[in-house]
Amino acid sequence: MSTALNAVRAEWTKLRSTPGPAWLLLATATVTVALGAAVSAIATCPHAGCGIDAPRLVLSGVYLGQAPVAVLAVLTVSGEYSTALIRTTLTAVPSRPTALAAKAVVLTVTVAAVGSLTLLASLVVAGTVMPPHGYPRLSLGDGPVLRAGAGSVAYLVLIAVLSLGVAAVVRDSAAAIGTVLGLLYLPPVLTRTVTDPHLHRLLEQVAPMSAGLAVQATTDLRQLPIGPWAGLGVLAAWSAGTLLAGTMLLRMRDT
């Protein structure tokens, strides 16, 4: 237990003592709030009940805000390989699963904290710029809005875990970042080229970003390719799979 706690403390010290993570988290907050506010400001809803999913608009900044989170998670692992610091880390914490778990704990707690504050800010800022007519007032006391907000925070945390696992598998920073961003942003692009409706729906159900972001939906849930919590479950499976693969390879390979 003491070894695990010491590993967590060491990872927390690394995270807060270098400028890179702070800048990436700031980028996540800025991009998420700014994009959500911009989309909310230009959206039109001429009358109440026009069918626009207001919470999803407000939280749409997560679409780009996840990228700095992915980069941060990748650098948490691959950055140590590029500087050979990984040898020091594994010498101090001989149990490699424990070392990777400590990184995951510090990263997920940090992303959850920043993500929660960011999405609260998105609700506040978007509420001031949304056109006044036709939109319901958003409140976290409303069940669907709370689920969309909390689910978006969980989404960012799972993206961090997925990216951490990919970095442990690939080890090279550029290759890992390219792999994660390709895994997130490429499937939705490819899905648009698929004309078969069943295959199109299947791709939306299994792609990590398309499935995971379904948690933001609050209207017309029956028309979604996958339900909000089921979609987040798909992303959780991706994240667990990559982290498990990364843990296994970290144990098997030399540094």
C-alpha atoms as a PDB file:
ATOM      1  CA  MET A   1       0.000   0.000   0.000  1.00  0.00           C
ATOM      2  CA  SER A   2       2.779   2.435   0.898  1.00  0.00           C
ATOM      3  CA  THR A   3       4.520   1.704  -2.414  1.00  0.00           C
ATOM      4  CA  ALA A   4       1.334   2.499  -4.327  1.00  0.00           C
ATOM      5  CA  LEU A   5       0.786   5.731  -2.377  1.00  0.00           C
ATOM      6  CA  ASN A   6       4.387   6.772  -2.933  1.00  0.00           C
ATOM      7  CA  ALA A   7       3.978   6.071  -6.638  1.00  0.00           C
ATOM      8  CA  VAL A   8       0.847   8.240  -6.749  1.00  0.00           C
ATOM      9  CA  ARG A   9       2.637  11.056  -4.893  1.00  0.00           C
ATOM     10  CA  ALA A  10       5.559  10.843  -7.308  1.00  0.00           C
ATOM     11  CA  GLU A  11       3.273  11.024 -10.344  1.00  0.00           C
ATOM     12  CA  TRP A  12       1.425  13.987  -8.827  1.00  0.00           C
ATOM     13  CA  THR A  13       4.752  15.752  -8.289  1.00  0.00           C
ATOM     14  CA  LYS A  14       5.726  15.142 -11.917  1.00  0.00           C
ATOM     15  CA  LEU A  15       2.389  16.425 -13.168  1.00  0.00           C
ATOM     16  CA  ARG A  16       2.344  19.672 -11.198  1.00  0.00           C
ATOM     17  CA  SER A  17       6.057  20.486 -11.413  1.00  0.00           C
ATOM     18  CA  THR A  18       6.254  20.683 -15.211  1.00  0.00           C
ATOM     19  CA  PRO A  19       4.561  23.411 -17.281  1.00  0.00           C
ATOM     20  CA  GLY A  20       3.310  21.173 -20.093  1.00  0.00           C
ATOM     21  CA  PRO A  21       0.349  19.567 -18.290  1.00  0.00           C
ATOM     22  CA  ALA A  22      -0.938  22.919 -17.029  1.00  0.00           C
ATOM     23  CA  TRP A  23      -0.906  24.391 -20.530  1.00  0.00           C
ATOM     24  CA  LEU A  24      -2.649  21.359 -22.007  1.00  0.00           C
ATOM     25  CA  LEU A  25      -5.344  21.437 -19.326  1.00  0.00           C
ATOM     26  CA  LEU A  26      -5.795  25.156 -19.905  1.00  0.00           C
ATOM     27  CA  ALA A  27      -6.138  24.476 -23.623  1.00  0.00           C
ATOM     28  CA  THR A  28      -8.798  21.868 -22.884  1.00  0.00           C
ATOM     29  CA  ALA A  29     -10.784  24.297 -20.741  1.00  0.00           C
ATOM     30  CA  THR A  30     -10.448  27.186 -23.196  1.00  0.00           C
ATOM     31  CA  VAL A  31     -11.318  25.223 -26.320  1.00  0.00           C
ATOM     32  CA  THR A  32     -14.231  23.413 -24.682  1.00  0.00           C
ATOM     33  CA  VAL A  33     -15.855  26.554 -23.286  1.00  0.00           C
ATOM     34  CA  ALA A  34     -15.169  28.714 -26.352  1.00  0.00           C
ATOM     35  CA  LEU A  35     -16.430  26.192 -28.904  1.00  0.00           C
ATOM     36  CA  GLY A  36     -19.519  25.371 -26.869  1.00  0.00           C
ATOM     37  CA  ALA A  37     -20.325  29.075 -26.502  1.00  0.00           C
ATOM     38  CA  ALA A  38     -19.765  29.736 -30.205  1.00  0.00           C
ATOM     39  CA  VAL A  39     -21.999  26.877 -31.313  1.00  0.00           C
ATOM     40  CA  SER A  40     -24.686  27.897 -28.823  1.00  0.00           C
ATOM     41  CA  ALA A  41     -24.570  31.524 -29.980  1.00  0.00           C
ATOM     42  CA  ILE A  42     -25.079  30.782 -33.665  1.00  0.00           C
ATOM     43  CA  ALA A  43     -27.684  28.042 -33.256  1.00  0.00           C
ATOM     44  CA  THR A  44     -31.221  29.022 -34.148  1.00  0.00           C
ATOM     45  CA  CYS A  45     -34.382  27.798 -32.495  1.00  0.00           C
ATOM     46  CA  PRO A  46     -37.296  30.011 -33.569  1.00  0.00           C
ATOM     47  CA  HIS A  47     -39.830  28.493 -31.222  1.00  0.00           C
ATOM     48  CA  ALA A  48     -40.031  26.292 -28.141  1.00  0.00           C
ATOM     49  CA  GLY A  49     -39.913  22.611 -28.930  1.00  0.00           C
ATOM     50  CA  CYS A  50     -38.082  23.086 -32.239  1.00  0.00           C
ATOM     51  CA  GLY A  51     -36.087  19.914 -31.627  1.00  0.00           C
ATOM     52  CA  ILE A  52     -32.620  21.336 -30.949  1.00  0.00           C
ATOM     53  CA  ASP A  53     -30.786  19.527 -28.168  1.00  0.00           C
ATOM     54  CA  ALA A  54     -29.593  22.553 -26.170  1.00  0.00           C
ATOM     55  CA  PRO A  55     -27.407  20.672 -23.622  1.00  0.00           C
ATOM     56  CA  ARG A  56     -25.618  18.876 -26.446  1.00  0.00           C
ATOM     57  CA  LEU A  57     -24.922  22.206 -28.139  1.00  0.00           C
ATOM     58  CA  VAL A  58     -23.518  23.661 -24.941  1.00  0.00           C
ATOM     59  CA  LEU A  59     -21.262  20.652 -24.394  1.00  0.00           C
ATOM     60  CA  SER A  60     -20.153  20.364 -28.028  1.00  0.00           C
ATOM     61  CA  GLY A  61     -16.780  21.890 -27.160  1.00  0.00           C
ATOM     62  CA  VAL A  62     -15.747  18.478 -25.832  1.00  0.00           C
ATOM     63  CA  TYR A  63     -15.376  17.416 -29.484  1.00  0.00           C
ATOM     64  CA  LEU A  64     -12.153  19.440 -29.744  1.00  0.00           C
ATOM     65  CA  GLY A  65     -11.398  19.840 -26.043  1.00  0.00           C
ATOM     66  CA  GLN A  66     -10.623  16.125 -25.811  1.00  0.00           C
ATOM     67  CA  ALA A  67      -7.541  16.500 -28.044  1.00  0.00           C
ATOM     68  CA  PRO A  68      -5.316  18.225 -25.430  1.00  0.00           C
ATOM     69  CA  VAL A  69      -6.456  15.645 -22.869  1.00  0.00           C
ATOM     70  CA  ALA A  70      -5.335  12.872 -25.208  1.00  0.00           C
ATOM     71  CA  VAL A  71      -1.974  14.572 -25.783  1.00  0.00           C
ATOM     72  CA  LEU A  72      -1.468  15.021 -22.030  1.00  0.00           C
ATOM     73  CA  ALA A  73      -2.233  11.360 -21.350  1.00  0.00           C
ATOM     74  CA  VAL A  74       0.118  10.192 -24.087  1.00  0.00           C
ATOM     75  CA  LEU A  75       2.977  12.366 -22.853  1.00  0.00           C
ATOM     76  CA  THR A  76       2.484  11.069 -19.315  1.00  0.00           C
ATOM     77  CA  VAL A  77       3.909   7.767 -20.534  1.00  0.00           C
ATOM     78  CA  SER A  78       5.736   8.336 -23.815  1.00  0.00           C
ATOM     79  CA  GLY A  79       7.402  11.513 -22.568  1.00  0.00           C
ATOM     80  CA  GLU A  80       9.300   9.398 -20.056  1.00  0.00           C
ATOM     81  CA  TYR A  81      10.464   7.054 -22.784  1.00  0.00           C
ATOM     82  CA  SER A  82      11.811   9.934 -24.873  1.00  0.00           C
ATOM     83  CA  THR A  83      13.844  11.255 -21.924  1.00  0.00           C
ATOM     84  CA  ALA A  84      14.744   7.832 -20.470  1.00  0.00           C
ATOM     85  CA  LEU A  85      13.041   8.879 -17.233  1.00  0.00           C
ATOM     86  CA  ILE A  86      11.029   5.685 -17.467  1.00  0.00           C
ATOM     87  CA  ARG A  87      14.063   3.787 -16.155  1.00  0.00           C
ATOM     88  CA  THR A  88      14.122   5.924 -13.018  1.00  0.00           C
ATOM     89  CA  THR A  89      10.380   5.503 -12.588  1.00  0.00           C
ATOM     90  CA  LEU A  90      10.535   1.719 -12.864  1.00  0.00           C
ATOM     91  CA  THR A  91      13.541   1.546 -10.586  1.00  0.00           C
ATOM     92  CA  ALA A  92      11.657   3.479  -7.912  1.00  0.00           C
ATOM     93  CA  VAL A  93       8.488   1.422  -8.502  1.00  0.00           C
ATOM     94  CA  PRO A  94       9.559  -2.077  -9.581  1.00  0.00           C
ATOM     95  CA  SER A  95       5.960  -3.231  -9.994  1.00  0.00           C
ATOM     96  CA  ARG A  96       5.176  -2.022 -13.496  1.00  0.00           C
ATOM     97  CA  PRO A  97       1.382  -2.379 -13.198  1.00  0.00           C
ATOM     98  CA  THR A  98       1.562  -0.256 -10.041  1.00  0.00           C
ATOM     99  CA  ALA A  99       3.605   2.404 -11.846  1.00  0.00           C
ATOM    100  CA  LEU A 100       1.109   2.590 -14.707  1.00  0.00           C
ATOM    101  CA  ALA A 101      -1.842   2.503 -12.301  1.00  0.00           C
ATOM    102  CA  ALA A 102      -0.368   5.454 -10.380  1.00  0.00           C
ATOM    103  CA  LYS A 103      -0.133   7.428 -13.609  1.00  0.00           C
ATOM    104  CA  ALA A 104      -3.736   6.525 -14.423  1.00  0.00           C
ATOM    105  CA  VAL A 105      -5.018   7.558 -10.978  1.00  0.00           C
ATOM    106  CA  VAL A 106      -3.300  10.958 -11.008  1.00  0.00           C
ATOM    107  CA  LEU A 107      -4.309  11.607 -14.596  1.00  0.00           C
ATOM    108  CA  THR A 108      -7.976  10.637 -14.206  1.00  0.00           C
ATOM    109  CA  VAL A 109      -8.464  12.610 -10.988  1.00  0.00           C
ATOM    110  CA  THR A 110      -6.877  15.689 -12.555  1.00  0.00           C
ATOM    111  CA  VAL A 111      -8.885  15.407 -15.772  1.00  0.00           C
ATOM    112  CA  ALA A 112     -12.097  14.815 -13.789  1.00  0.00           C
ATOM    113  CA  ALA A 113     -11.503  17.932 -11.681  1.00  0.00           C
ATOM    114  CA  VAL A 114     -10.619  20.175 -14.628  1.00  0.00           C
ATOM    115  CA  GLY A 115     -13.374  18.669 -16.759  1.00  0.00           C
ATOM    116  CA  SER A 116     -16.015  19.288 -14.099  1.00  0.00           C
ATOM    117  CA  LEU A 117     -15.053  22.946 -13.715  1.00  0.00           C
ATOM    118  CA  THR A 118     -14.834  23.362 -17.484  1.00  0.00           C
ATOM    119  CA  LEU A 119     -18.264  21.934 -18.198  1.00  0.00           C
ATOM    120  CA  LEU A 120     -19.821  23.985 -15.418  1.00  0.00           C
ATOM    121  CA  ALA A 121     -18.243  27.038 -17.019  1.00  0.00           C
ATOM    122  CA  SER A 122     -19.633  25.938 -20.394  1.00  0.00           C
ATOM    123  CA  LEU A 123     -23.161  25.856 -18.979  1.00  0.00           C
ATOM    124  CA  VAL A 124     -22.743  29.317 -17.460  1.00  0.00           C
ATOM    125  CA  VAL A 125     -21.109  30.929 -20.495  1.00  0.00           C
ATOM    126  CA  ALA A 126     -23.398  29.316 -23.050  1.00  0.00           C
ATOM    127  CA  GLY A 127     -26.406  30.398 -21.013  1.00  0.00           C
ATOM    128  CA  THR A 128     -25.383  34.021 -21.524  1.00  0.00           C
ATOM    129  CA  VAL A 129     -24.849  33.782 -25.280  1.00  0.00           C
ATOM    130  CA  MET A 130     -27.697  31.508 -26.342  1.00  0.00           C
ATOM    131  CA  PRO A 131     -30.449  33.212 -28.308  1.00  0.00           C
ATOM    132  CA  PRO A 132     -33.196  33.925 -25.786  1.00  0.00           C
ATOM    133  CA  HIS A 133     -36.122  32.465 -27.695  1.00  0.00           C
ATOM    134  CA  GLY A 134     -36.981  28.808 -27.948  1.00  0.00           C
ATOM    135  CA  TYR A 135     -34.333  27.404 -25.597  1.00  0.00           C
ATOM    136  CA  PRO A 136     -35.156  25.972 -22.191  1.00  0.00           C
ATOM    137  CA  ARG A 137     -33.155  27.273 -19.244  1.00  0.00           C
ATOM    138  CA  LEU A 138     -30.476  24.691 -18.516  1.00  0.00           C
ATOM    139  CA  SER A 139     -30.041  23.498 -14.949  1.00  0.00           C
ATOM    140  CA  LEU A 140     -28.037  20.678 -13.409  1.00  0.00           C
ATOM    141  CA  GLY A 141     -31.163  19.974 -11.373  1.00  0.00           C
ATOM    142  CA  ASP A 142     -32.677  18.613 -14.585  1.00  0.00           C
ATOM    143  CA  GLY A 143     -31.873  14.896 -14.853  1.00  0.00           C
ATOM    144  CA  PRO A 144     -30.983  14.775 -18.563  1.00  0.00           C
ATOM    145  CA  VAL A 145     -28.793  17.885 -18.293  1.00  0.00           C
ATOM    146  CA  LEU A 146     -26.989  16.451 -15.268  1.00  0.00           C
ATOM    147  CA  ARG A 147     -26.462  13.161 -17.085  1.00  0.00           C
ATOM    148  CA  ALA A 148     -25.111  14.948 -20.159  1.00  0.00           C
ATOM    149  CA  GLY A 149     -22.731  17.057 -18.054  1.00  0.00           C
ATOM    150  CA  ALA A 150     -21.519  14.260 -15.782  1.00  0.00           C
ATOM    151  CA  GLY A 151     -21.288  11.932 -18.755  1.00  0.00           C
ATOM    152  CA  SER A 152     -19.119  14.440 -20.606  1.00  0.00           C
ATOM    153  CA  VAL A 153     -16.724  14.551 -17.660  1.00  0.00           C
ATOM    154  CA  ALA A 154     -16.641  10.747 -17.633  1.00  0.00           C
ATOM    155  CA  TYR A 155     -16.030  10.840 -21.382  1.00  0.00           C
ATOM    156  CA  LEU A 156     -12.927  13.012 -20.955  1.00  0.00           C
ATOM    157  CA  VAL A 157     -11.647  10.733 -18.194  1.00  0.00           C
ATOM    158  CA  LEU A 158     -12.098   7.664 -20.401  1.00  0.00           C
ATOM    159  CA  ILE A 159     -10.325   9.405 -23.291  1.00  0.00           C
ATOM    160  CA  ALA A 160      -7.405  10.024 -20.928  1.00  0.00           C
ATOM    161  CA  VAL A 161      -7.319   6.341 -19.928  1.00  0.00           C
ATOM    162  CA  LEU A 162      -7.555   5.196 -23.556  1.00  0.00           C
ATOM    163  CA  SER A 163      -4.691   7.522 -24.531  1.00  0.00           C
ATOM    164  CA  LEU A 164      -2.579   6.358 -21.589  1.00  0.00           C
ATOM    165  CA  GLY A 165      -3.035   2.753 -22.672  1.00  0.00           C
ATOM    166  CA  VAL A 166      -2.154   3.513 -26.290  1.00  0.00           C
ATOM    167  CA  ALA A 167       0.988   5.350 -25.166  1.00  0.00           C
ATOM    168  CA  ALA A 168       2.048   2.357 -23.078  1.00  0.00           C
ATOM    169  CA  VAL A 169       1.619   0.134 -26.138  1.00  0.00           C
ATOM    170  CA  VAL A 170       3.259   2.405 -28.719  1.00  0.00           C
ATOM    171  CA  ARG A 171       5.740   4.306 -26.491  1.00  0.00           C
ATOM    172  CA  ASP A 172       6.671   6.850 -29.183  1.00  0.00           C
ATOM    173  CA  SER A 173       4.935  10.202 -28.557  1.00  0.00           C
ATOM    174  CA  ALA A 174       4.182  11.159 -32.168  1.00  0.00           C
ATOM    175  CA  ALA A 175       2.971   7.690 -33.106  1.00  0.00           C
ATOM    176  CA  ALA A 176       0.820   7.410 -29.989  1.00  0.00           C
ATOM    177  CA  ILE A 177      -0.768  10.843 -30.470  1.00  0.00           C
ATOM    178  CA  GLY A 178      -1.452  10.041 -34.125  1.00  0.00           C
ATOM    179  CA  THR A 179      -2.972   6.691 -33.174  1.00  0.00           C
ATOM    180  CA  VAL A 180      -5.286   8.177 -30.552  1.00  0.00           C
ATOM    181  CA  LEU A 181      -6.446  11.119 -32.672  1.00  0.00           C
ATOM    182  CA  GLY A 182      -6.949   8.823 -35.649  1.00  0.00           C
ATOM    183  CA  LEU A 183      -8.972   6.422 -33.513  1.00  0.00           C
ATOM    184  CA  LEU A 184     -11.170   9.293 -32.353  1.00  0.00           C
ATOM    185  CA  TYR A 185     -11.629  11.461 -35.437  1.00  0.00           C
ATOM    186  CA  LEU A 186     -11.174   9.110 -38.393  1.00  0.00           C
ATOM    187  CA  PRO A 187     -14.132   6.706 -37.870  1.00  0.00           C
ATOM    188  CA  PRO A 188     -16.793   9.474 -38.036  1.00  0.00           C
ATOM    189  CA  VAL A 189     -15.278  10.651 -41.329  1.00  0.00           C
ATOM    190  CA  LEU A 190     -15.219   7.137 -42.765  1.00  0.00           C
ATOM    191  CA  THR A 191     -18.751   6.477 -41.522  1.00  0.00           C
ATOM    192  CA  ARG A 192     -20.063   9.288 -43.726  1.00  0.00           C
ATOM    193  CA  THR A 193     -18.849   7.409 -46.810  1.00  0.00           C
ATOM    194  CA  VAL A 194     -20.791   4.251 -45.897  1.00  0.00           C
ATOM    195  CA  THR A 195     -24.096   4.013 -47.726  1.00  0.00           C
ATOM    196  CA  ASP A 196     -25.395   0.788 -46.186  1.00  0.00           C
ATOM    197  CA  PRO A 197     -27.625   1.938 -43.277  1.00  0.00           C
ATOM    198  CA  HIS A 198     -26.960  -1.129 -41.120  1.00  0.00           C
ATOM    199  CA  LEU A 199     -23.186  -0.887 -41.476  1.00  0.00           C
ATOM    200  CA  HIS A 200     -23.399   2.878 -40.944  1.00  0.00           C
ATOM    201  CA  ARG A 201     -25.287   2.364 -37.694  1.00  0.00           C
ATOM    202  CA  LEU A 202     -22.889  -0.372 -36.563  1.00  0.00           C
ATOM    203  CA  LEU A 203     -19.856   1.857 -37.119  1.00  0.00           C
ATOM    204  CA  GLU A 204     -21.462   4.622 -35.071  1.00  0.00           C
ATOM    205  CA  GLN A 205     -22.143   2.116 -32.297  1.00  0.00           C
ATOM    206  CA  VAL A 206     -18.561   0.831 -32.044  1.00  0.00           C
ATOM    207  CA  ALA A 207     -16.475   3.938 -32.797  1.00  0.00           C
ATOM    208  CA  PRO A 208     -15.154   5.298 -29.474  1.00  0.00           C
ATOM    209  CA  MET A 209     -15.982   8.965 -30.042  1.00  0.00           C
ATOM    210  CA  SER A 210     -19.335   8.522 -31.786  1.00  0.00           C
ATOM    211  CA  ALA A 211     -20.510   6.053 -29.167  1.00  0.00           C
ATOM    212  CA  GLY A 212     -19.075   7.909 -26.173  1.00  0.00           C
ATOM    213  CA  LEU A 213     -20.505  11.314 -27.071  1.00  0.00           C
ATOM    214  CA  ALA A 214     -24.012   9.831 -27.228  1.00  0.00           C
ATOM    215  CA  VAL A 215     -24.061  10.465 -23.477  1.00  0.00           C
ATOM    216  CA  GLN A 216     -24.564  14.171 -24.242  1.00  0.00           C
ATOM    217  CA  ALA A 217     -27.887  13.621 -25.987  1.00  0.00           C
ATOM    218  CA  THR A 218     -31.038  14.597 -24.118  1.00  0.00           C
ATOM    219  CA  THR A 219     -33.684  14.478 -26.864  1.00  0.00           C
ATOM    220  CA  ASP A 220     -34.874  11.851 -29.381  1.00  0.00           C
ATOM    221  CA  LEU A 221     -32.914   9.136 -27.593  1.00  0.00           C
ATOM    222  CA  ARG A 222     -34.729   6.354 -29.433  1.00  0.00           C
ATOM    223  CA  GLN A 223     -33.381   7.645 -32.737  1.00  0.00           C
ATOM    224  CA  LEU A 224     -29.763   7.435 -31.609  1.00  0.00           C
ATOM    225  CA  PRO A 225     -27.590   4.599 -32.983  1.00  0.00           C
ATOM    226  CA  ILE A 226     -26.758   3.733 -29.369  1.00  0.00           C
ATOM    227  CA  GLY A 227     -28.119   4.836 -25.990  1.00  0.00           C
ATOM    228  CA  PRO A 228     -26.246   7.387 -23.845  1.00  0.00           C
ATOM    229  CA  TRP A 229     -24.985   5.008 -21.141  1.00  0.00           C
ATOM    230  CA  ALA A 230     -24.447   2.137 -23.565  1.00  0.00           C
ATOM    231  CA  GLY A 231     -22.336   4.443 -25.725  1.00  0.00           C
ATOM    232  CA  LEU A 232     -20.246   5.464 -22.748  1.00  0.00           C
ATOM    233  CA  GLY A 233     -19.889   1.755 -21.978  1.00  0.00           C
ATOM    234  CA  VAL A 234     -18.435   1.175 -25.441  1.00  0.00           C
ATOM    235  CA  LEU A 235     -15.827   3.873 -24.815  1.00  0.00           C
ATOM    236  CA  ALA A 236     -15.104   2.349 -21.395  1.00  0.00           C
ATOM    237  CA  ALA A 237     -14.464  -0.993 -23.104  1.00  0.00           C
ATOM    238  CA  TRP A 238     -12.029   0.667 -25.515  1.00  0.00           C
ATOM    239  CA  SER A 239     -10.262   2.374 -22.611  1.00  0.00           C
ATOM    240  CA  ALA A 240     -10.065  -0.781 -20.505  1.00  0.00           C
ATOM    241  CA  GLY A 241      -8.771  -2.762 -23.474  1.00  0.00           C
ATOM    242  CA  THR A 242      -5.969  -0.352 -24.325  1.00  0.00           C
ATOM    243  CA  LEU A 243      -4.958   0.037 -20.678  1.00  0.00           C
ATOM    244  CA  LEU A 244      -4.877  -3.737 -20.214  1.00  0.00           C
ATOM    245  CA  ALA A 245      -2.791  -4.142 -23.370  1.00  0.00           C
ATOM    246  CA  GLY A 246      -0.442  -1.402 -22.228  1.00  0.00           C
ATOM    247  CA  THR A 247      -0.054  -3.010 -18.808  1.00  0.00           C
ATOM    248  CA  MET A 248       0.711  -6.413 -20.279  1.00  0.00           C
ATOM    249  CA  LEU A 249       3.285  -5.060 -22.720  1.00  0.00           C
ATOM    250  CA  LEU A 250       4.893  -2.911 -20.024  1.00  0.00           C
ATOM    251  CA  ARG A 251       5.415  -6.057 -17.962  1.00  0.00           C
ATOM    252  CA  MET A 252       6.763  -8.087 -20.897  1.00  0.00           C
ATOM    253  CA  ARG A 253       9.094  -5.628 -22.579  1.00  0.00           C
ATOM    254  CA  ASP A 254      12.401  -4.159 -21.536  1.00  0.00           C
ATOM    255  CA  THR A 255      12.462  -0.406 -20.951  1.00  0.00           C
END
